[in-house]
């Protein structure tokens, strides 16, 4: 069980997955503005609403906006389930992304881009925490996420299944758009501090880079992911859907 204490993520959850919300708690005060809109939406979606004194909300979560949603976080998926539901796989593989803010942002970007699933190592990876859910704006409830024991070994299995794995890192062989992403594809990203581990990098079919023209020599991992994922989207829009 977890809570969301910001209005925008609560609205996202109500619109996309109201069944994930157990109950919404609202400050016992005259309802107006966005809080009134949220309560109306919750009732329309069949989500229970409780009016409570503000100290009750304070005990549940600091920094709230007079409204808190209690949600049931989804469980992890399996790699087999992800592949079974993908006709032309579009995957995101994350190598030791431990920061929940980055993980949440990556999940949100992946969901918007239509990624079939996210694969992460069991260890040294952020879990599905309240922070991840909040930053993902509810997208964490919709994207299948599969933890695996050994990421490099899983990559070898994916390649045998016909999926091309493209690492995103500086010093790559080519630039980000010099690959045929209409093929079954997995984009592989490492942590901001370490990048791709050597064995993971060697397991990639190609390593591509983004051209950087400024004085800062790197992008936030979520920003880099957005460029690569939407290059896949751009290329695939040019071919008929399966």
C-alpha atoms as a PDB file:
ATOM      1  CA  UNK A   1       0.000   0.000   0.000  1.00  0.00           C
ATOM      2  CA  UNK A   2       1.199   3.514  -0.783  1.00  0.00           C
ATOM      3  CA  UNK A   3      -0.103   7.055  -0.929  1.00  0.00           C
ATOM      4  CA  UNK A   4      -0.094   9.840  -3.515  1.00  0.00           C
ATOM      5  CA  UNK A   5      -0.244  13.345  -2.112  1.00  0.00           C
ATOM      6  CA  UNK A   6      -0.147  15.526  -5.230  1.00  0.00           C
ATOM      7  CA  UNK A   7      -3.237  16.438  -7.220  1.00  0.00           C
ATOM      8  CA  UNK A   8      -1.929  15.801 -10.747  1.00  0.00           C
ATOM      9  CA  UNK A   9      -0.855  12.161 -10.110  1.00  0.00           C
ATOM     10  CA  UNK A  10      -4.154  11.524  -8.316  1.00  0.00           C
ATOM     11  CA  UNK A  11      -6.079  12.780 -11.342  1.00  0.00           C
ATOM     12  CA  UNK A  12      -3.895  10.626 -13.626  1.00  0.00           C
ATOM     13  CA  UNK A  13      -4.666   7.557 -11.517  1.00  0.00           C
ATOM     14  CA  UNK A  14      -8.394   8.303 -11.454  1.00  0.00           C
ATOM     15  CA  UNK A  15      -8.516   8.706 -15.210  1.00  0.00           C
ATOM     16  CA  UNK A  16      -6.365   5.730 -16.161  1.00  0.00           C
ATOM     17  CA  UNK A  17      -6.676   3.155 -13.381  1.00  0.00           C
ATOM     18  CA  UNK A  18      -9.298   3.997 -10.729  1.00  0.00           C
ATOM     19  CA  UNK A  19      -9.313   0.401  -9.465  1.00  0.00           C
ATOM     20  CA  UNK A  20      -5.778   0.930  -8.149  1.00  0.00           C
ATOM     21  CA  UNK A  21      -7.086   3.544  -5.687  1.00  0.00           C
ATOM     22  CA  UNK A  22      -8.390   2.118  -2.432  1.00  0.00           C
ATOM     23  CA  UNK A  23      -9.663   5.407  -1.013  1.00  0.00           C
ATOM     24  CA  UNK A  24      -9.177   9.170  -1.294  1.00  0.00           C
ATOM     25  CA  UNK A  25      -8.852  11.284   1.844  1.00  0.00           C
ATOM     26  CA  UNK A  26      -9.789  14.963   1.591  1.00  0.00           C
ATOM     27  CA  UNK A  27      -9.356  17.728   4.135  1.00  0.00           C
ATOM     28  CA  UNK A  28     -12.618  18.468   5.925  1.00  0.00           C
ATOM     29  CA  UNK A  29     -12.962  22.036   4.677  1.00  0.00           C
ATOM     30  CA  UNK A  30     -15.082  23.810   2.071  1.00  0.00           C
ATOM     31  CA  UNK A  31     -14.401  22.065  -1.233  1.00  0.00           C
ATOM     32  CA  UNK A  32     -13.360  24.345  -4.060  1.00  0.00           C
ATOM     33  CA  UNK A  33     -11.101  24.492  -7.072  1.00  0.00           C
ATOM     34  CA  UNK A  34      -9.184  21.392  -8.081  1.00  0.00           C
ATOM     35  CA  UNK A  35      -9.935  19.459  -4.897  1.00  0.00           C
ATOM     36  CA  UNK A  36     -13.625  19.738  -5.681  1.00  0.00           C
ATOM     37  CA  UNK A  37     -12.950  18.525  -9.230  1.00  0.00           C
ATOM     38  CA  UNK A  38     -10.984  15.529  -7.913  1.00  0.00           C
ATOM     39  CA  UNK A  39     -13.741  14.544  -5.491  1.00  0.00           C
ATOM     40  CA  UNK A  40     -16.328  14.755  -8.271  1.00  0.00           C
ATOM     41  CA  UNK A  41     -14.145  12.628 -10.561  1.00  0.00           C
ATOM     42  CA  UNK A  42     -13.555  10.080  -7.788  1.00  0.00           C
ATOM     43  CA  UNK A  43     -17.272   9.672  -7.168  1.00  0.00           C
ATOM     44  CA  UNK A  44     -17.909   9.286 -10.896  1.00  0.00           C
ATOM     45  CA  UNK A  45     -15.275   6.527 -11.008  1.00  0.00           C
ATOM     46  CA  UNK A  46     -16.641   4.750  -7.949  1.00  0.00           C
ATOM     47  CA  UNK A  47     -13.697   5.535  -5.677  1.00  0.00           C
ATOM     48  CA  UNK A  48     -14.586   6.019  -1.979  1.00  0.00           C
ATOM     49  CA  UNK A  49     -13.904   9.489  -0.545  1.00  0.00           C
ATOM     50  CA  UNK A  50     -13.429  10.301   3.150  1.00  0.00           C
ATOM     51  CA  UNK A  51     -13.447  13.809   4.635  1.00  0.00           C
ATOM     52  CA  UNK A  52     -10.893  14.019   7.460  1.00  0.00           C
ATOM     53  CA  UNK A  53      -9.283  16.753   9.608  1.00  0.00           C
ATOM     54  CA  UNK A  54      -6.038  18.175   8.237  1.00  0.00           C
ATOM     55  CA  UNK A  55      -3.887  16.617  11.038  1.00  0.00           C
ATOM     56  CA  UNK A  56      -4.931  13.178   9.769  1.00  0.00           C
ATOM     57  CA  UNK A  57      -3.531  14.040   6.332  1.00  0.00           C
ATOM     58  CA  UNK A  58      -0.382  15.451   7.943  1.00  0.00           C
ATOM     59  CA  UNK A  59       0.242  12.118   9.657  1.00  0.00           C
ATOM     60  CA  UNK A  60      -0.221  10.250   6.385  1.00  0.00           C
ATOM     61  CA  UNK A  61       2.121  12.391   4.270  1.00  0.00           C
ATOM     62  CA  UNK A  62       3.889  15.727   4.617  1.00  0.00           C
ATOM     63  CA  UNK A  63       3.634  18.298   1.835  1.00  0.00           C
ATOM     64  CA  UNK A  64       0.167  17.237   0.705  1.00  0.00           C
ATOM     65  CA  UNK A  65      -2.299  19.521  -1.081  1.00  0.00           C
ATOM     66  CA  UNK A  66      -5.277  18.820   1.136  1.00  0.00           C
ATOM     67  CA  UNK A  67      -5.952  15.517  -0.584  1.00  0.00           C
ATOM     68  CA  UNK A  68      -4.292  12.084  -0.451  1.00  0.00           C
ATOM     69  CA  UNK A  69      -5.022   8.890  -2.377  1.00  0.00           C
ATOM     70  CA  UNK A  70      -4.210   5.490  -0.917  1.00  0.00           C
ATOM     71  CA  UNK A  71      -3.242   3.124  -3.725  1.00  0.00           C
ATOM     72  CA  UNK A  72      -2.382  -0.525  -4.179  1.00  0.00           C
ATOM     73  CA  UNK A  73       0.935  -0.777  -6.013  1.00  0.00           C
ATOM     74  CA  UNK A  74       1.039  -3.366  -8.764  1.00  0.00           C
ATOM     75  CA  UNK A  75       3.353  -6.355  -8.609  1.00  0.00           C
ATOM     76  CA  UNK A  76       6.219  -7.058 -10.994  1.00  0.00           C
ATOM     77  CA  UNK A  77       5.670  -8.905 -14.273  1.00  0.00           C
ATOM     78  CA  UNK A  78       7.777 -11.675 -15.801  1.00  0.00           C
ATOM     79  CA  UNK A  79       9.911 -11.539 -18.920  1.00  0.00           C
ATOM     80  CA  UNK A  80       7.809 -14.324 -20.418  1.00  0.00           C
ATOM     81  CA  UNK A  81       4.609 -12.325 -19.948  1.00  0.00           C
ATOM     82  CA  UNK A  82       6.145  -9.251 -21.576  1.00  0.00           C
ATOM     83  CA  UNK A  83       7.346 -11.158 -24.629  1.00  0.00           C
ATOM     84  CA  UNK A  84       4.066 -13.046 -24.978  1.00  0.00           C
ATOM     85  CA  UNK A  85       2.186  -9.772 -25.354  1.00  0.00           C
ATOM     86  CA  UNK A  86       4.531  -8.173 -27.906  1.00  0.00           C
ATOM     87  CA  UNK A  87       4.222  -8.893 -31.630  1.00  0.00           C
ATOM     88  CA  UNK A  88       7.292  -6.791 -32.492  1.00  0.00           C
ATOM     89  CA  UNK A  89       8.990  -6.252 -29.136  1.00  0.00           C
ATOM     90  CA  UNK A  90       9.918  -2.749 -28.035  1.00  0.00           C
ATOM     91  CA  UNK A  91      11.745  -3.069 -24.725  1.00  0.00           C
ATOM     92  CA  UNK A  92      13.659  -0.856 -22.312  1.00  0.00           C
ATOM     93  CA  UNK A  93      16.481  -2.468 -20.326  1.00  0.00           C
ATOM     94  CA  UNK A  94      17.821  -0.515 -17.341  1.00  0.00           C
ATOM     95  CA  UNK A  95      21.224  -1.404 -15.900  1.00  0.00           C
ATOM     96  CA  UNK A  96      21.381  -0.525 -12.193  1.00  0.00           C
ATOM     97  CA  UNK A  97      19.068   2.494 -12.133  1.00  0.00           C
ATOM     98  CA  UNK A  98      18.794   2.909  -8.355  1.00  0.00           C
ATOM     99  CA  UNK A  99      17.493   6.473  -8.090  1.00  0.00           C
ATOM    100  CA  UNK A 100      13.677   6.368  -7.717  1.00  0.00           C
ATOM    101  CA  UNK A 101      13.280   9.804  -9.314  1.00  0.00           C
ATOM    102  CA  UNK A 102      15.091   8.647 -12.453  1.00  0.00           C
ATOM    103  CA  UNK A 103      13.270   5.306 -12.437  1.00  0.00           C
ATOM    104  CA  UNK A 104       9.891   7.018 -12.213  1.00  0.00           C
ATOM    105  CA  UNK A 105      10.753   9.429 -15.021  1.00  0.00           C
ATOM    106  CA  UNK A 106      11.973   6.548 -17.198  1.00  0.00           C
ATOM    107  CA  UNK A 107       8.766   4.600 -16.610  1.00  0.00           C
ATOM    108  CA  UNK A 108       6.659   7.615 -17.553  1.00  0.00           C
ATOM    109  CA  UNK A 109       8.616   8.182 -20.764  1.00  0.00           C
ATOM    110  CA  UNK A 110       8.490   4.475 -21.637  1.00  0.00           C
ATOM    111  CA  UNK A 111       4.728   4.302 -21.146  1.00  0.00           C
ATOM    112  CA  UNK A 112       4.157   7.369 -23.314  1.00  0.00           C
ATOM    113  CA  UNK A 113       6.355   5.895 -26.059  1.00  0.00           C
ATOM    114  CA  UNK A 114       4.449   2.597 -26.041  1.00  0.00           C
ATOM    115  CA  UNK A 115       7.210   0.365 -24.689  1.00  0.00           C
ATOM    116  CA  UNK A 116       6.043  -3.232 -24.230  1.00  0.00           C
ATOM    117  CA  UNK A 117       7.980  -3.720 -21.024  1.00  0.00           C
ATOM    118  CA  UNK A 118      10.927  -2.715 -18.862  1.00  0.00           C
ATOM    119  CA  UNK A 119      13.597  -5.172 -17.755  1.00  0.00           C
ATOM    120  CA  UNK A 120      15.730  -4.500 -14.678  1.00  0.00           C
ATOM    121  CA  UNK A 121      18.206  -6.504 -12.592  1.00  0.00           C
ATOM    122  CA  UNK A 122      16.812  -7.868  -9.325  1.00  0.00           C
ATOM    123  CA  UNK A 123      19.622  -6.239  -7.366  1.00  0.00           C
ATOM    124  CA  UNK A 124      20.873  -2.659  -7.570  1.00  0.00           C
ATOM    125  CA  UNK A 125      17.636  -1.404  -9.038  1.00  0.00           C
ATOM    126  CA  UNK A 126      14.954   0.848  -7.615  1.00  0.00           C
ATOM    127  CA  UNK A 127      11.808  -0.904  -6.494  1.00  0.00           C
ATOM    128  CA  UNK A 128       8.234   0.191  -7.193  1.00  0.00           C
ATOM    129  CA  UNK A 129       8.105   2.739  -4.389  1.00  0.00           C
ATOM    130  CA  UNK A 130       5.754   5.609  -3.642  1.00  0.00           C
ATOM    131  CA  UNK A 131       8.319   8.031  -5.085  1.00  0.00           C
ATOM    132  CA  UNK A 132       8.520   6.010  -8.305  1.00  0.00           C
ATOM    133  CA  UNK A 133       4.736   5.973  -8.628  1.00  0.00           C
ATOM    134  CA  UNK A 134       4.447   9.696  -7.982  1.00  0.00           C
ATOM    135  CA  UNK A 135       7.207  10.688 -10.423  1.00  0.00           C
ATOM    136  CA  UNK A 136       5.825   8.330 -13.073  1.00  0.00           C
ATOM    137  CA  UNK A 137       2.454  10.123 -12.780  1.00  0.00           C
ATOM    138  CA  UNK A 138       0.749   6.735 -12.508  1.00  0.00           C
ATOM    139  CA  UNK A 139       2.521   5.168 -15.492  1.00  0.00           C
ATOM    140  CA  UNK A 140       4.083   2.591 -13.146  1.00  0.00           C
ATOM    141  CA  UNK A 141       0.666   0.943 -12.953  1.00  0.00           C
ATOM    142  CA  UNK A 142       0.581   0.337 -16.713  1.00  0.00           C
ATOM    143  CA  UNK A 143       4.054  -0.630 -17.933  1.00  0.00           C
ATOM    144  CA  UNK A 144       5.040  -4.259 -17.250  1.00  0.00           C
ATOM    145  CA  UNK A 145       8.336  -4.339 -15.333  1.00  0.00           C
ATOM    146  CA  UNK A 146      10.281  -7.593 -15.076  1.00  0.00           C
ATOM    147  CA  UNK A 147      13.222  -8.087 -12.696  1.00  0.00           C
ATOM    148  CA  UNK A 148      15.821 -10.648 -13.809  1.00  0.00           C
ATOM    149  CA  UNK A 149      18.671 -12.291 -11.908  1.00  0.00           C
ATOM    150  CA  UNK A 150      21.365 -11.606 -14.492  1.00  0.00           C
ATOM    151  CA  UNK A 151      20.831  -8.797 -16.993  1.00  0.00           C
ATOM    152  CA  UNK A 152      23.678  -9.766 -19.345  1.00  0.00           C
ATOM    153  CA  UNK A 153      22.479 -13.379 -19.500  1.00  0.00           C
ATOM    154  CA  UNK A 154      18.930 -12.201 -20.150  1.00  0.00           C
ATOM    155  CA  UNK A 155      20.247 -10.042 -22.982  1.00  0.00           C
ATOM    156  CA  UNK A 156      21.811 -13.114 -24.584  1.00  0.00           C
ATOM    157  CA  UNK A 157      18.447 -14.884 -24.346  1.00  0.00           C
ATOM    158  CA  UNK A 158      16.677 -11.919 -25.929  1.00  0.00           C
ATOM    159  CA  UNK A 159      19.145 -11.882 -28.817  1.00  0.00           C
ATOM    160  CA  UNK A 160      18.519 -15.571 -29.422  1.00  0.00           C
ATOM    161  CA  UNK A 161      14.813 -14.705 -29.579  1.00  0.00           C
ATOM    162  CA  UNK A 162      15.515 -12.261 -32.410  1.00  0.00           C
ATOM    163  CA  UNK A 163      15.549  -9.015 -30.437  1.00  0.00           C
ATOM    164  CA  UNK A 164      18.253  -6.460 -31.278  1.00  0.00           C
ATOM    165  CA  UNK A 165      19.773  -4.736 -28.263  1.00  0.00           C
ATOM    166  CA  UNK A 166      21.016  -1.176 -28.618  1.00  0.00           C
ATOM    167  CA  UNK A 167      23.059   0.438 -25.870  1.00  0.00           C
ATOM    168  CA  UNK A 168      22.827   4.190 -25.335  1.00  0.00           C
ATOM    169  CA  UNK A 169      26.112   5.654 -24.138  1.00  0.00           C
ATOM    170  CA  UNK A 170      28.797   8.173 -25.053  1.00  0.00           C
ATOM    171  CA  UNK A 171      31.575   6.857 -27.254  1.00  0.00           C
ATOM    172  CA  UNK A 172      29.205   4.701 -29.269  1.00  0.00           C
ATOM    173  CA  UNK A 173      29.829   3.272 -32.713  1.00  0.00           C
ATOM    174  CA  UNK A 174      27.259   5.553 -34.395  1.00  0.00           C
ATOM    175  CA  UNK A 175      24.720   8.240 -33.580  1.00  0.00           C
ATOM    176  CA  UNK A 176      21.312   7.571 -32.053  1.00  0.00           C
ATOM    177  CA  UNK A 177      19.368   7.473 -35.326  1.00  0.00           C
ATOM    178  CA  UNK A 178      21.736   5.216 -37.285  1.00  0.00           C
ATOM    179  CA  UNK A 179      19.950   1.942 -36.598  1.00  0.00           C
ATOM    180  CA  UNK A 180      16.891   0.180 -37.987  1.00  0.00           C
ATOM    181  CA  UNK A 181      14.517   0.391 -35.037  1.00  0.00           C
ATOM    182  CA  UNK A 182      11.692  -1.167 -37.024  1.00  0.00           C
ATOM    183  CA  UNK A 183      13.301  -4.449 -35.973  1.00  0.00           C
ATOM    184  CA  UNK A 184      12.374  -6.034 -32.622  1.00  0.00           C
ATOM    185  CA  UNK A 185      14.382  -3.771 -30.332  1.00  0.00           C
ATOM    186  CA  UNK A 186      15.540  -3.301 -26.776  1.00  0.00           C
ATOM    187  CA  UNK A 187      17.098   0.017 -25.714  1.00  0.00           C
ATOM    188  CA  UNK A 188      19.710  -0.467 -22.981  1.00  0.00           C
ATOM    189  CA  UNK A 189      20.568   2.347 -20.564  1.00  0.00           C
ATOM    190  CA  UNK A 190      22.943   2.471 -17.610  1.00  0.00           C
ATOM    191  CA  UNK A 191      23.084   4.571 -14.476  1.00  0.00           C
ATOM    192  CA  UNK A 192      24.178   8.191 -14.667  1.00  0.00           C
ATOM    193  CA  UNK A 193      27.205   7.566 -12.500  1.00  0.00           C
ATOM    194  CA  UNK A 194      28.607   4.414 -14.102  1.00  0.00           C
ATOM    195  CA  UNK A 195      26.892   4.052 -17.442  1.00  0.00           C
ATOM    196  CA  UNK A 196      26.639   0.552 -18.867  1.00  0.00           C
ATOM    197  CA  UNK A 197      28.646  -2.104 -17.067  1.00  0.00           C
ATOM    198  CA  UNK A 198      31.307  -3.652 -19.346  1.00  0.00           C
ATOM    199  CA  UNK A 199      29.581  -7.030 -19.667  1.00  0.00           C
ATOM    200  CA  UNK A 200      26.230  -5.384 -20.412  1.00  0.00           C
ATOM    201  CA  UNK A 201      27.846  -3.118 -23.004  1.00  0.00           C
ATOM    202  CA  UNK A 202      29.518  -6.088 -24.703  1.00  0.00           C
ATOM    203  CA  UNK A 203      26.166  -7.862 -24.839  1.00  0.00           C
ATOM    204  CA  UNK A 204      24.675  -5.063 -26.970  1.00  0.00           C
ATOM    205  CA  UNK A 205      24.430  -5.504 -30.735  1.00  0.00           C
ATOM    206  CA  UNK A 206      25.260  -1.816 -31.145  1.00  0.00           C
ATOM    207  CA  UNK A 207      26.127   1.138 -28.919  1.00  0.00           C
ATOM    208  CA  UNK A 208      24.860   4.515 -30.089  1.00  0.00           C
ATOM    209  CA  UNK A 209      25.498   8.034 -28.829  1.00  0.00           C
ATOM    210  CA  UNK A 210      23.809  11.409 -28.808  1.00  0.00           C
ATOM    211  CA  UNK A 211      25.764  14.362 -30.217  1.00  0.00           C
ATOM    212  CA  UNK A 212      26.459  16.928 -27.497  1.00  0.00           C
ATOM    213  CA  UNK A 213      27.211  20.487 -28.561  1.00  0.00           C
ATOM    214  CA  UNK A 214      27.305  22.196 -25.159  1.00  0.00           C
ATOM    215  CA  UNK A 215      29.856  22.289 -22.361  1.00  0.00           C
ATOM    216  CA  UNK A 216      28.072  19.681 -20.257  1.00  0.00           C
ATOM    217  CA  UNK A 217      29.126  16.278 -21.545  1.00  0.00           C
ATOM    218  CA  UNK A 218      26.105  14.213 -20.563  1.00  0.00           C
ATOM    219  CA  UNK A 219      22.306  14.173 -20.377  1.00  0.00           C
ATOM    220  CA  UNK A 220      20.084  13.009 -17.561  1.00  0.00           C
ATOM    221  CA  UNK A 221      19.316   9.331 -18.195  1.00  0.00           C
ATOM    222  CA  UNK A 222      15.587  10.010 -18.551  1.00  0.00           C
ATOM    223  CA  UNK A 223      16.245  12.734 -21.127  1.00  0.00           C
ATOM    224  CA  UNK A 224      18.535  10.428 -23.108  1.00  0.00           C
ATOM    225  CA  UNK A 225      15.934   7.665 -22.924  1.00  0.00           C
ATOM    226  CA  UNK A 226      13.288   9.972 -24.370  1.00  0.00           C
ATOM    227  CA  UNK A 227      15.432  10.684 -27.438  1.00  0.00           C
ATOM    228  CA  UNK A 228      16.122   7.001 -28.125  1.00  0.00           C
ATOM    229  CA  UNK A 229      12.606   5.766 -27.412  1.00  0.00           C
ATOM    230  CA  UNK A 230      11.008   8.359 -29.632  1.00  0.00           C
ATOM    231  CA  UNK A 231      13.424   7.584 -32.434  1.00  0.00           C
ATOM    232  CA  UNK A 232      11.966   4.073 -32.312  1.00  0.00           C
ATOM    233  CA  UNK A 233       8.469   5.579 -32.409  1.00  0.00           C
ATOM    234  CA  UNK A 234       9.405   7.847 -35.333  1.00  0.00           C
ATOM    235  CA  UNK A 235      10.820   5.018 -37.425  1.00  0.00           C
ATOM    236  CA  UNK A 236       7.978   2.633 -36.694  1.00  0.00           C
ATOM    237  CA  UNK A 237       5.333   5.151 -37.703  1.00  0.00           C
ATOM    238  CA  UNK A 238       6.642   4.835 -41.263  1.00  0.00           C
ATOM    239  CA  UNK A 239       5.745   1.149 -41.593  1.00  0.00           C
ATOM    240  CA  UNK A 240       2.311  -0.537 -41.465  1.00  0.00           C
ATOM    241  CA  UNK A 241       1.220  -1.786 -38.060  1.00  0.00           C
ATOM    242  CA  UNK A 242       1.264  -5.537 -37.466  1.00  0.00           C
END
